[in-house]
Amino acid sequence: MIQLWQPYPSGSHLLLSNIFCFEEEKEQSFDILDRSRGKERFFFQQTPWRQFSNMNLVADLLCLLACLTLVTCDRVYVHPFNLFSFNESDCDKPEKLVQEGKMKTIVPVSIESQTTPAYEDDLNDKDTLEPLSLNGWGKEEPGYMKDLVYILGVRFYSMLRKARQGQNVLLSPTSLYSSLVSFYLGASNQTALDLQGLLGLVPPSGNPDCTSRAVGSNFLSSLRTIESLMKSRDEELLFSKTLCLFSAPGIPLFELFMQDLLHSADAFYARAVDFTNPSEAAKQINAFVEAKSKGQSKRLLTDINPSADLLFAVDVCLAVKVKQAFQLKEPQEFWMDSNTNVLVPMLSIMGTFQYKTDASGTFSVVEVPISKTALLVLLQPINGSDPEHVESELTWQSSAWLQRLSPREIKLTLPALRIEDSSDLQELLADMELPALLGKGADFSKISNTNLTIGKVINKAFFKLTNDETDQAEDPAAQKEDGVYLDVTLNKPFLFAVLEKKSRAMLFLGRVTNPLHEV
């Protein structure tokens, strides 16, 4: 990647594009280890931010072409960031208000309260909120977000798959990324810089306090736009996202921070919980979340750090009824390993789908539209390989396995799915050797005017795939003669991803080892 740095006059800044190299049809992605300021910081899929001087167009193009000659790959892809401008004074305003003590705060009511607090009514009245600035960025198709979401999402998946050998795995890359952006909005100083590095951002001015609200708010808005596209025109699917903040009694939270979070979810709640009694606190939180999700989300927590001041929880649910799917009359065998099988309900879908087999012959990929706005990508180990082998061999840093598929007429048979999983960002960051990022020494002075100890950061994901019983499709076996279509049957462990169709951003990523196990 190429990074160009030049000053831009009058205190404003411009964002330009990220330049990636492709060689032999594979995207090259690099990890950069920054040892500045005496500590190691990881930057994943670093996104260069470019500042321009008031040079003429010819000089600018010559500069760019000169830099491109340093690239030895076959072709160059310019990542489609839109130019995004803002003033220093706009970014400094929240920080100045914090320093002057003028930021409004809210003290959440007890989780035991039976009435809806007034501040929650005010926050959920979205018409009264300060609108998020889109400035030509959020108004455009947010396809550029998929790269940032993907590279961090697969990092987290790699951590989970190693810890859960032989088990189902499910996470939401968009939800995890959004959670980190939320903490980025509440961070200051070195903590903000470290979060920028993890998220793949580089501040145009080098001042994290200048960029956090402007950039963070736009990222949350873009992520929310992607999620909104999922359910905007779709009767076949139900998508919901609930965000909860649980704080220790008496802890004030800045209203501006809570407003930012509100834009990132369908429902937002803030309650006070006594963490000093961990078992009772976990019981109260689980009951609260289950009630708010109408029984959809259960067992959010098992334990709590009694010294925590703030607990963050996101619950993302997607249920899809595939209209063109036919449920087989009898349960079919699903082989968890070479010696163990279970009988599971199976769906059959036939049509023209995108398909490929990798060059090494270890896996195949089929991409199926499961609704107007969602794509299901299924990765099946073949020729004697298994998911663990494929996962270890797959170049996760590149999304090449999702690309260059070709249309094929396919009869697809796969299990009906109901999977939920929960992960703690604190544990994932610790596994990535970044335990201090949200740790006790972190600076979250834009969340509260008190020193906060962040507890668990829970991201729960739920995915359900069934056929539409009210619009039962014809049995695919009766539609075409044998040999006309390629028969793809997923009757052993496989990987899957759910993409938003327009941006191709990855909302879910998982592994199925036993379709009968929900967790």
Protein backbone atom coordinates (compact mmCIF):
# COMPACT_ATOMS: atom_id res chain seq x y z
CA MET A 1 0.00 0.00 0.00
CA ILE A 2 1.12 3.54 -0.68
CA GLN A 3 0.87 6.37 1.77
CA LEU A 4 1.15 9.98 0.69
CA TRP A 5 1.35 12.80 3.26
CA GLN A 6 1.20 16.47 2.37
CA PRO A 7 -0.21 19.49 4.22
CA TYR A 8 -3.61 20.92 3.39
CA PRO A 9 -4.30 24.57 4.22
CA SER A 10 -6.92 26.33 6.38
CA GLY A 11 -7.27 23.75 9.15
CA SER A 12 -9.42 21.29 7.21
CA HIS A 13 -8.55 17.81 5.98
CA LEU A 14 -9.35 15.48 3.15
CA LEU A 15 -9.64 11.71 3.09
CA LEU A 16 -8.43 9.95 -0.02
CA SER A 17 -8.40 6.38 -1.10
CA ASN A 18 -6.54 3.30 -0.01
CA ILE A 19 -4.45 1.68 -2.72
CA PHE A 20 -4.28 -2.11 -2.76
CA CYS A 21 -2.24 -4.48 -4.91
CA PHE A 22 -3.53 -7.60 -6.56
CA GLU A 23 -1.16 -10.30 -7.75
CA GLU A 24 -2.30 -13.47 -9.49
CA GLU A 25 -5.92 -12.59 -8.71
CA LYS A 26 -5.29 -12.48 -4.97
CA GLU A 27 -5.57 -9.36 -2.86
CA GLN A 28 -2.39 -8.64 -0.93
CA SER A 29 -3.07 -7.55 2.62
CA PHE A 30 -0.44 -6.56 5.11
CA ASP A 31 -0.17 -6.22 8.85
CA ILE A 32 1.86 -3.26 10.05
CA LEU A 33 3.47 -3.34 13.46
CA ASP A 34 3.98 0.15 14.85
CA ARG A 35 6.47 0.45 17.68
CA SER A 36 6.15 4.20 18.08
CA ARG A 37 5.80 5.76 21.51
CA GLY A 38 7.67 2.82 23.06
CA LYS A 39 4.88 0.26 22.66
CA GLU A 40 3.65 -2.16 20.01
CA ARG A 41 0.42 -1.39 18.20
CA PHE A 42 -1.11 -3.52 15.48
CA PHE A 43 -2.72 -2.01 12.41
CA PHE A 44 -4.96 -4.34 10.41
CA GLN A 45 -5.53 -3.46 6.75
CA GLN A 46 -4.20 0.03 7.45
CA THR A 47 -6.22 2.71 5.64
CA PRO A 48 -4.00 5.63 4.62
CA TRP A 49 -5.49 9.07 4.99
CA ARG A 50 -4.00 11.59 2.64
CA GLN A 51 -3.59 15.31 3.14
CA PHE A 52 -3.10 17.41 0.02
CA SER A 53 -1.50 20.77 -0.57
CA ASN A 54 -3.08 23.28 -2.91
CA MET A 55 -1.07 21.98 -5.85
CA ASN A 56 -2.36 21.99 -9.39
CA LEU A 57 -3.92 18.90 -10.90
CA VAL A 58 -0.96 18.02 -13.12
CA ALA A 59 1.49 17.98 -10.24
CA ASP A 60 -0.90 15.89 -8.19
CA LEU A 61 -1.26 13.29 -10.93
CA LEU A 62 2.49 13.15 -11.50
CA CYS A 63 3.02 12.55 -7.79
CA LEU A 64 0.50 9.75 -7.76
CA LEU A 65 1.93 8.12 -10.90
CA ALA A 66 5.43 8.29 -9.48
CA CYS A 67 4.29 6.43 -6.42
CA LEU A 68 2.43 3.83 -8.44
CA THR A 69 5.65 2.90 -10.25
CA LEU A 70 6.89 1.49 -6.96
CA VAL A 71 4.15 -1.11 -7.02
CA THR A 72 5.21 -4.38 -8.62
CA CYS A 73 1.86 -6.14 -8.67
CA ASP A 74 -0.15 -6.85 -11.80
CA ARG A 75 -2.77 -4.17 -11.29
CA VAL A 76 -3.80 -1.48 -8.84
CA TYR A 77 -7.14 -1.15 -7.14
CA VAL A 78 -8.09 2.22 -5.67
CA HIS A 79 -10.28 1.69 -2.62
CA PRO A 80 -13.44 3.79 -3.10
CA PHE A 81 -13.31 6.16 -0.16
CA ASN A 82 -15.19 9.35 -0.84
CA LEU A 83 -13.54 12.66 -0.03
CA PHE A 84 -14.65 13.68 3.43
CA SER A 85 -13.89 17.15 4.79
CA PHE A 86 -14.33 18.67 8.22
CA ASN A 87 -12.99 21.58 10.22
CA GLU A 88 -10.72 21.42 13.27
CA SER A 89 -13.18 23.52 15.25
CA ASP A 90 -15.99 21.02 14.66
CA CYS A 91 -13.92 18.16 16.01
CA ASP A 92 -12.57 20.06 19.00
CA LYS A 93 -16.00 21.06 20.29
CA PRO A 94 -16.84 17.86 22.21
CA GLU A 95 -13.37 17.78 23.81
CA LYS A 96 -13.62 21.41 24.88
CA LEU A 97 -17.05 20.81 26.39
CA VAL A 98 -15.67 17.88 28.39
CA GLN A 99 -12.79 19.99 29.68
CA GLU A 100 -15.16 22.81 30.62
CA GLY A 101 -17.60 20.45 32.33
CA LYS A 102 -20.48 21.49 30.04
CA MET A 103 -21.30 18.05 28.64
CA LYS A 104 -24.71 16.81 29.76
CA THR A 105 -24.66 13.56 31.70
CA ILE A 106 -27.24 10.88 32.41
CA VAL A 107 -27.24 8.56 35.43
CA PRO A 108 -29.00 5.33 34.36
CA VAL A 109 -31.87 4.10 36.53
CA SER A 110 -31.74 0.76 38.30
CA ILE A 111 -32.35 -2.36 36.25
CA GLU A 112 -35.02 -3.22 38.82
CA SER A 113 -37.09 -0.17 37.88
CA GLN A 114 -40.43 -1.11 36.32
CA THR A 115 -40.91 2.19 34.48
CA THR A 116 -39.23 3.45 31.34
CA PRO A 117 -36.83 6.26 32.33
CA ALA A 118 -37.42 9.69 30.83
CA TYR A 119 -33.94 9.82 29.31
CA GLU A 120 -34.66 6.62 27.38
CA ASP A 121 -37.79 8.14 25.86
CA ASP A 122 -35.76 11.22 24.88
CA LEU A 123 -32.95 9.16 23.40
CA ASN A 124 -35.30 6.93 21.44
CA ASP A 125 -37.05 9.97 19.97
CA LYS A 126 -34.72 9.98 16.97
CA ASP A 127 -36.35 13.06 15.47
CA THR A 128 -34.95 15.19 18.30
CA LEU A 129 -31.39 13.90 18.02
CA GLU A 130 -28.50 15.69 16.40
CA PRO A 131 -28.25 14.10 12.94
CA LEU A 132 -25.07 12.26 12.09
CA SER A 133 -22.95 14.05 9.53
CA LEU A 134 -22.75 12.14 6.26
CA ASN A 135 -20.98 14.81 4.19
CA GLY A 136 -21.13 12.80 0.99
CA TRP A 137 -19.62 9.75 2.69
CA GLY A 138 -22.62 8.05 4.21
CA LYS A 139 -24.79 9.11 1.27
CA GLU A 140 -22.76 6.91 -1.05
CA GLU A 141 -22.97 3.16 -1.27
CA PRO A 142 -21.01 1.96 1.77
CA GLY A 143 -19.24 -0.83 -0.12
CA TYR A 144 -15.82 0.36 1.03
CA MET A 145 -16.74 -0.63 4.59
CA LYS A 146 -16.70 -4.32 3.73
CA ASP A 147 -12.90 -4.46 3.61
CA LEU A 148 -12.44 -2.92 7.04
CA VAL A 149 -15.18 -5.08 8.54
CA TYR A 150 -13.89 -8.25 6.87
CA ILE A 151 -10.24 -8.08 7.89
CA LEU A 152 -11.02 -7.50 11.57
CA GLY A 153 -13.94 -9.94 11.58
CA VAL A 154 -11.83 -12.84 10.31
CA ARG A 155 -9.16 -12.01 12.89
CA PHE A 156 -11.72 -12.48 15.62
CA TYR A 157 -13.04 -15.63 13.94
CA SER A 158 -9.53 -17.07 13.90
CA MET A 159 -9.34 -16.58 17.67
CA LEU A 160 -12.71 -18.24 18.26
CA ARG A 161 -12.15 -21.24 15.99
CA LYS A 162 -8.94 -22.14 17.82
CA ALA A 163 -10.69 -21.96 21.18
CA ARG A 164 -13.70 -23.99 20.01
CA GLN A 165 -12.34 -26.94 18.11
CA GLY A 166 -15.11 -29.26 16.98
CA GLN A 167 -17.89 -26.84 17.96
CA ASN A 168 -20.28 -24.53 16.16
CA VAL A 169 -18.98 -20.97 15.85
CA LEU A 170 -20.90 -17.81 14.98
CA LEU A 171 -20.02 -14.14 15.12
CA SER A 172 -21.10 -10.89 13.48
CA PRO A 173 -18.14 -8.97 11.95
CA THR A 174 -20.26 -5.83 11.49
CA SER A 175 -21.40 -5.95 15.12
CA LEU A 176 -17.88 -6.48 16.48
CA TYR A 177 -16.51 -3.66 14.35
CA SER A 178 -19.37 -1.38 15.41
CA SER A 179 -18.67 -2.17 19.08
CA LEU A 180 -15.05 -1.10 18.72
CA VAL A 181 -16.08 2.07 16.89
CA SER A 182 -18.42 2.82 19.81
CA PHE A 183 -15.52 2.66 22.25
CA TYR A 184 -13.46 4.72 19.82
CA LEU A 185 -16.12 7.44 20.14
CA GLY A 186 -15.69 7.37 23.91
CA ALA A 187 -11.89 7.24 23.91
CA SER A 188 -9.29 9.98 24.28
CA ASN A 189 -5.54 10.37 23.87
CA GLN A 190 -3.49 7.17 23.49
CA THR A 191 -6.54 4.92 23.82
CA ALA A 192 -8.12 6.65 20.82
CA LEU A 193 -4.91 6.25 18.82
CA ASP A 194 -4.70 2.55 19.67
CA LEU A 195 -8.32 1.97 18.68
CA GLN A 196 -7.74 3.84 15.41
CA GLY A 197 -4.88 1.48 14.66
CA LEU A 198 -6.94 -1.61 15.37
CA LEU A 199 -9.84 -0.33 13.26
CA GLY A 200 -7.52 0.40 10.35
CA LEU A 201 -7.78 4.19 10.52
CA VAL A 202 -5.12 6.87 10.42
CA PRO A 203 -6.11 10.35 11.68
CA PRO A 204 -5.50 13.12 9.12
CA SER A 205 -4.10 15.45 11.78
CA GLY A 206 -2.49 12.98 14.14
CA ASN A 207 -4.80 14.25 16.89
CA PRO A 208 -7.25 11.52 17.97
CA ASP A 209 -9.50 14.00 19.76
CA CYS A 210 -9.91 15.90 16.51
CA THR A 211 -11.10 12.86 14.59
CA SER A 212 -12.98 10.63 17.01
CA ARG A 213 -16.52 12.01 16.84
CA ALA A 214 -16.50 13.09 13.19
CA VAL A 215 -14.98 9.88 11.87
CA GLY A 216 -16.49 7.52 14.43
CA SER A 217 -19.99 8.85 13.90
CA ASN A 218 -19.70 8.45 10.15
CA PHE A 219 -18.44 4.89 10.51
CA LEU A 220 -21.35 4.01 12.80
CA SER A 221 -23.70 5.62 10.31
CA SER A 222 -22.21 3.64 7.41
CA LEU A 223 -22.42 0.38 9.34
CA ARG A 224 -26.01 1.12 10.27
CA THR A 225 -26.79 1.89 6.63
CA ILE A 226 -25.51 -1.56 5.65
CA GLU A 227 -27.68 -3.20 8.31
CA SER A 228 -30.68 -1.12 7.29
CA LEU A 229 -30.28 -2.28 3.69
CA MET A 230 -30.74 -5.84 4.93
CA LYS A 231 -34.30 -5.30 6.08
CA SER A 232 -35.42 -2.34 4.00
CA ARG A 233 -37.15 -4.31 1.23
CA ASP A 234 -37.32 -7.80 2.62
CA GLU A 235 -40.33 -9.68 3.88
CA GLU A 236 -38.40 -12.97 3.92
CA LEU A 237 -36.09 -11.98 6.74
CA LEU A 238 -36.22 -10.49 10.21
CA PHE A 239 -33.17 -8.53 11.34
CA SER A 240 -32.79 -6.82 14.70
CA LYS A 241 -29.99 -5.29 16.72
CA THR A 242 -30.26 -4.38 20.40
CA LEU A 243 -27.58 -2.50 22.33
CA CYS A 244 -27.44 -2.31 26.13
CA LEU A 245 -25.20 -0.38 28.51
CA PHE A 246 -25.10 -1.58 32.10
CA SER A 247 -23.29 0.75 34.51
CA ALA A 248 -22.51 0.61 38.21
CA PRO A 249 -25.00 2.59 40.36
CA GLY A 250 -24.40 6.34 40.34
CA ILE A 251 -22.04 6.37 37.33
CA PRO A 252 -22.86 9.32 35.02
CA LEU A 253 -22.65 8.75 31.26
CA PHE A 254 -22.33 11.53 28.71
CA GLU A 255 -25.55 12.07 26.78
CA LEU A 256 -23.63 12.75 23.55
CA PHE A 257 -21.98 9.33 23.74
CA MET A 258 -25.34 7.64 24.32
CA GLN A 259 -26.86 9.50 21.38
CA ASP A 260 -24.10 8.22 19.11
CA LEU A 261 -24.78 4.65 20.19
CA LEU A 262 -28.50 5.05 19.58
CA HIS A 263 -27.89 5.49 15.85
CA SER A 264 -26.16 2.10 15.68
CA ALA A 265 -29.05 -0.13 16.82
CA ASP A 266 -32.78 -0.75 16.54
CA ALA A 267 -33.19 -0.51 20.30
CA PHE A 268 -30.97 1.02 22.99
CA TYR A 269 -31.19 0.63 26.77
CA ALA A 270 -29.09 1.94 29.65
CA ARG A 271 -29.53 0.58 33.18
CA ALA A 272 -27.64 0.58 36.47
CA VAL A 273 -26.63 -2.77 37.98
CA ASP A 274 -24.84 -3.65 41.22
CA PHE A 275 -21.84 -5.61 39.93
CA THR A 276 -20.53 -6.34 43.43
CA ASN A 277 -22.93 -9.29 43.55
CA PRO A 278 -21.85 -10.97 40.28
CA SER A 279 -24.28 -13.90 40.24
CA GLU A 280 -27.30 -11.71 40.98
CA ALA A 281 -26.14 -9.08 38.47
CA ALA A 282 -25.79 -11.72 35.74
CA LYS A 283 -29.25 -13.06 36.55
CA GLN A 284 -30.77 -9.56 36.36
CA ILE A 285 -29.06 -8.71 33.07
CA ASN A 286 -30.03 -12.03 31.46
CA ALA A 287 -33.67 -11.56 32.49
CA PHE A 288 -33.68 -7.95 31.24
CA VAL A 289 -32.22 -8.80 27.83
CA GLU A 290 -34.49 -11.81 27.40
CA ALA A 291 -37.55 -9.67 28.18
CA LYS A 292 -36.51 -6.91 25.78
CA SER A 293 -35.85 -9.44 23.01
CA LYS A 294 -39.21 -11.15 23.65
CA GLY A 295 -37.48 -14.39 24.55
CA GLN A 296 -35.22 -14.43 21.50
CA SER A 297 -31.97 -13.87 23.42
CA LYS A 298 -31.15 -16.09 26.37
CA ARG A 299 -28.07 -16.80 28.51
CA LEU A 300 -26.24 -13.60 27.60
CA LEU A 301 -23.89 -13.82 30.60
CA THR A 302 -22.54 -16.48 32.91
CA ASP A 303 -20.23 -14.37 35.07
CA ILE A 304 -19.35 -10.72 35.73
CA ASN A 305 -16.27 -8.88 37.00
CA PRO A 306 -17.37 -7.36 40.35
CA SER A 307 -14.92 -4.45 39.94
CA ALA A 308 -16.40 -3.36 36.58
CA ASP A 309 -18.09 0.02 36.12
CA LEU A 310 -19.53 -0.56 32.65
CA LEU A 311 -20.74 -3.59 30.72
CA PHE A 312 -21.51 -3.37 26.99
CA ALA A 313 -23.78 -5.88 25.23
CA VAL A 314 -24.98 -6.16 21.62
CA ASP A 315 -27.49 -8.75 20.44
CA VAL A 316 -27.81 -9.25 16.66
CA CYS A 317 -30.48 -11.58 15.25
CA LEU A 318 -31.19 -12.66 11.68
CA ALA A 319 -33.96 -15.11 10.75
CA VAL A 320 -34.53 -15.95 7.08
CA LYS A 321 -37.33 -17.95 5.47
CA VAL A 322 -36.11 -18.93 2.03
CA LYS A 323 -39.04 -18.90 -0.38
CA GLN A 324 -37.44 -21.10 -3.03
CA ALA A 325 -36.38 -23.75 -0.49
CA PHE A 326 -38.07 -27.14 -0.15
CA GLN A 327 -37.83 -29.09 3.12
CA LEU A 328 -37.13 -32.77 2.56
CA LYS A 329 -39.78 -35.08 3.98
CA GLU A 330 -37.35 -37.18 6.02
CA PRO A 331 -34.38 -36.08 8.17
CA GLN A 332 -31.04 -36.79 6.54
CA GLU A 333 -27.67 -37.93 7.88
CA PHE A 334 -25.16 -35.25 8.82
CA TRP A 335 -21.67 -36.58 9.57
CA MET A 336 -19.98 -34.64 12.38
CA ASP A 337 -16.87 -36.77 11.82
CA SER A 338 -16.06 -40.04 10.06
CA ASN A 339 -17.63 -42.09 12.85
CA THR A 340 -20.50 -39.95 14.17
CA ASN A 341 -23.67 -38.81 12.45
CA VAL A 342 -27.00 -37.28 13.42
CA LEU A 343 -30.33 -37.01 11.60
CA VAL A 344 -31.21 -33.41 10.79
CA PRO A 345 -33.92 -31.54 8.83
CA MET A 346 -32.62 -30.67 5.38
CA LEU A 347 -33.53 -27.98 2.86
CA SER A 348 -33.17 -28.32 -0.89
CA ILE A 349 -32.81 -25.35 -3.24
CA MET A 350 -32.28 -25.45 -6.98
CA GLY A 351 -31.31 -22.64 -9.31
CA THR A 352 -28.46 -20.81 -10.99
CA PHE A 353 -26.00 -19.91 -8.24
CA GLN A 354 -22.44 -18.60 -8.14
CA TYR A 355 -19.91 -21.40 -7.63
CA LYS A 356 -16.22 -22.26 -7.67
CA THR A 357 -13.71 -24.88 -6.56
CA ASP A 358 -10.38 -23.61 -5.28
CA ALA A 359 -7.24 -24.32 -7.29
CA SER A 360 -5.89 -26.77 -4.70
CA GLY A 361 -9.10 -28.80 -4.72
CA THR A 362 -9.62 -28.61 -0.96
CA PHE A 363 -12.91 -26.71 -0.87
CA SER A 364 -15.82 -25.46 -2.96
CA VAL A 365 -17.83 -22.27 -2.53
CA VAL A 366 -21.45 -21.65 -3.49
CA GLU A 367 -23.23 -18.30 -3.13
CA VAL A 368 -27.01 -18.40 -2.81
CA PRO A 369 -29.42 -15.44 -2.60
CA ILE A 370 -31.62 -16.26 0.41
CA SER A 371 -33.67 -13.07 0.22
CA LYS A 372 -33.82 -9.83 -1.76
CA THR A 373 -31.02 -8.31 0.32
CA ALA A 374 -28.98 -11.22 1.73
CA LEU A 375 -26.50 -13.69 0.26
CA LEU A 376 -25.52 -16.97 1.90
CA VAL A 377 -21.98 -18.13 1.09
CA LEU A 378 -21.25 -21.79 1.87
CA LEU A 379 -17.70 -23.15 1.97
CA GLN A 380 -17.58 -26.95 1.85
CA PRO A 381 -14.39 -28.99 2.37
CA ILE A 382 -13.97 -31.54 -0.43
CA ASN A 383 -11.67 -34.39 -1.43
CA GLY A 384 -11.17 -35.61 2.13
CA SER A 385 -10.33 -32.25 3.70
CA ASP A 386 -12.04 -30.97 6.85
CA PRO A 387 -12.95 -27.48 8.16
CA GLU A 388 -9.92 -27.32 10.46
CA HIS A 389 -7.58 -28.02 7.54
CA VAL A 390 -9.36 -25.53 5.30
CA GLU A 391 -9.35 -22.89 8.04
CA SER A 392 -5.62 -23.37 8.61
CA GLU A 393 -4.81 -23.22 4.90
CA LEU A 394 -7.16 -20.41 3.92
CA THR A 395 -5.57 -16.99 3.47
CA TRP A 396 -8.00 -15.19 5.76
CA GLN A 397 -6.36 -11.80 5.23
CA SER A 398 -7.53 -11.94 1.63
CA SER A 399 -11.19 -12.20 0.71
CA ALA A 400 -10.23 -13.99 -2.52
CA TRP A 401 -12.19 -17.07 -1.41
CA LEU A 402 -15.36 -14.96 -1.75
CA GLN A 403 -14.47 -13.74 -5.23
CA ARG A 404 -14.39 -14.93 -8.85
CA LEU A 405 -17.31 -17.33 -8.67
CA SER A 406 -19.10 -18.39 -11.86
CA PRO A 407 -22.79 -19.17 -12.47
CA ARG A 408 -23.77 -22.84 -12.36
CA GLU A 409 -27.07 -24.68 -12.29
CA ILE A 410 -27.01 -26.31 -8.87
CA LYS A 411 -29.20 -28.47 -6.70
CA LEU A 412 -28.16 -27.50 -3.17
CA THR A 413 -29.03 -29.54 -0.10
CA LEU A 414 -28.12 -28.17 3.33
CA PRO A 415 -29.34 -28.37 6.93
CA ALA A 416 -31.96 -26.04 8.31
CA LEU A 417 -30.02 -23.89 10.77
CA ARG A 418 -30.61 -22.32 14.15
CA ILE A 419 -27.31 -21.18 15.66
CA GLU A 420 -26.46 -18.65 18.34
CA ASP A 421 -23.12 -17.81 19.88
CA SER A 422 -21.67 -15.20 22.20
CA SER A 423 -18.18 -13.73 22.40
CA ASP A 424 -16.49 -11.26 24.74
CA LEU A 425 -14.37 -8.65 23.00
CA GLN A 426 -12.17 -8.42 26.08
CA GLU A 427 -11.23 -12.09 25.71
CA LEU A 428 -10.73 -11.80 21.95
CA LEU A 429 -8.42 -8.81 22.38
CA ALA A 430 -6.48 -10.68 25.07
CA ASP A 431 -6.05 -13.60 22.65
CA MET A 432 -4.70 -11.09 20.13
CA GLU A 433 -2.22 -9.87 22.77
CA LEU A 434 -4.06 -6.56 23.12
CA PRO A 435 -5.51 -6.91 26.65
CA ALA A 436 -4.84 -3.29 27.60
CA LEU A 437 -6.88 -1.79 24.76
CA LEU A 438 -10.10 -1.78 26.81
CA GLY A 439 -8.31 -2.47 30.11
CA LYS A 440 -8.05 -0.56 33.38
CA GLY A 441 -5.53 1.95 32.08
CA ALA A 442 -7.61 2.89 29.03
CA ASP A 443 -8.87 6.48 28.75
CA PHE A 444 -12.62 6.66 28.15
CA SER A 445 -13.15 10.22 29.32
CA LYS A 446 -15.72 10.79 26.56
CA ILE A 447 -18.00 8.13 28.03
CA SER A 448 -18.03 9.44 31.59
CA ASN A 449 -16.36 12.07 33.75
CA THR A 450 -15.33 9.30 36.16
CA ASN A 451 -12.54 6.79 35.61
CA LEU A 452 -14.20 3.71 34.17
CA THR A 453 -13.25 0.06 34.38
CA ILE A 454 -14.74 -1.63 31.34
CA GLY A 455 -16.09 -5.10 32.07
CA LYS A 456 -17.32 -7.58 29.51
CA VAL A 457 -18.07 -6.40 25.97
CA ILE A 458 -20.54 -9.03 24.82
CA ASN A 459 -21.44 -9.55 21.18
CA LYS A 460 -24.16 -12.14 20.71
CA ALA A 461 -25.19 -13.41 17.28
CA PHE A 462 -28.23 -15.46 16.27
CA PHE A 463 -28.88 -16.92 12.81
CA LYS A 464 -31.85 -19.00 11.70
CA LEU A 465 -32.39 -20.44 8.22
CA THR A 466 -35.62 -22.24 7.29
CA ASN A 467 -37.95 -22.61 4.34
CA ASP A 468 -41.12 -20.56 3.94
CA GLU A 469 -43.86 -23.03 4.87
CA THR A 470 -46.58 -20.67 3.62
CA ASP A 471 -45.04 -20.67 0.14
CA GLN A 472 -43.73 -24.21 -0.17
CA ALA A 473 -41.56 -24.68 -3.22
CA GLU A 474 -41.81 -27.68 -5.50
CA ASP A 475 -39.49 -30.58 -4.75
CA PRO A 476 -36.35 -29.78 -6.81
CA ALA A 477 -35.94 -33.47 -7.67
CA ALA A 478 -39.15 -33.26 -9.68
CA GLN A 479 -38.13 -30.14 -11.58
CA LYS A 480 -35.21 -31.38 -13.67
CA GLU A 481 -33.71 -34.61 -14.84
CA ASP A 482 -30.55 -35.94 -13.23
CA GLY A 483 -27.34 -34.66 -14.79
CA VAL A 484 -28.70 -31.24 -15.73
CA TYR A 485 -27.54 -29.65 -12.49
CA LEU A 486 -24.55 -29.95 -10.17
CA ASP A 487 -25.51 -31.72 -6.95
CA VAL A 488 -24.00 -30.00 -3.87
CA THR A 489 -24.89 -31.60 -0.54
CA LEU A 490 -23.66 -30.21 2.78
CA ASN A 491 -23.86 -33.27 5.00
CA LYS A 492 -20.66 -32.73 6.96
CA PRO A 493 -19.10 -29.71 8.79
CA PHE A 494 -18.89 -26.55 6.69
CA LEU A 495 -18.26 -22.81 6.94
CA PHE A 496 -20.72 -20.09 6.01
CA ALA A 497 -21.06 -16.33 5.76
CA VAL A 498 -24.01 -13.98 5.31
CA LEU A 499 -23.38 -10.91 3.15
CA GLU A 500 -25.50 -7.84 2.58
CA LYS A 501 -26.16 -7.99 -1.15
CA LYS A 502 -25.46 -4.39 -2.19
CA SER A 503 -22.25 -3.68 -0.27
CA ARG A 504 -21.19 -7.34 0.18
CA ALA A 505 -20.35 -6.52 3.78
CA MET A 506 -20.11 -9.58 6.01
CA LEU A 507 -22.81 -9.61 8.68
CA PHE A 508 -22.26 -13.16 9.91
CA LEU A 509 -19.42 -15.67 9.75
CA GLY A 510 -19.61 -19.15 11.21
CA ARG A 511 -18.86 -22.84 11.25
CA VAL A 512 -21.41 -25.65 11.52
CA THR A 513 -20.23 -28.92 13.04
CA ASN A 514 -23.59 -30.10 14.42
CA PRO A 515 -26.80 -28.46 13.09
CA LEU A 516 -28.77 -29.77 16.09
CA HIS A 517 -26.68 -27.76 18.56
CA GLU A 518 -27.81 -24.15 18.79
CA VAL A 519 -24.66 -23.06 20.66
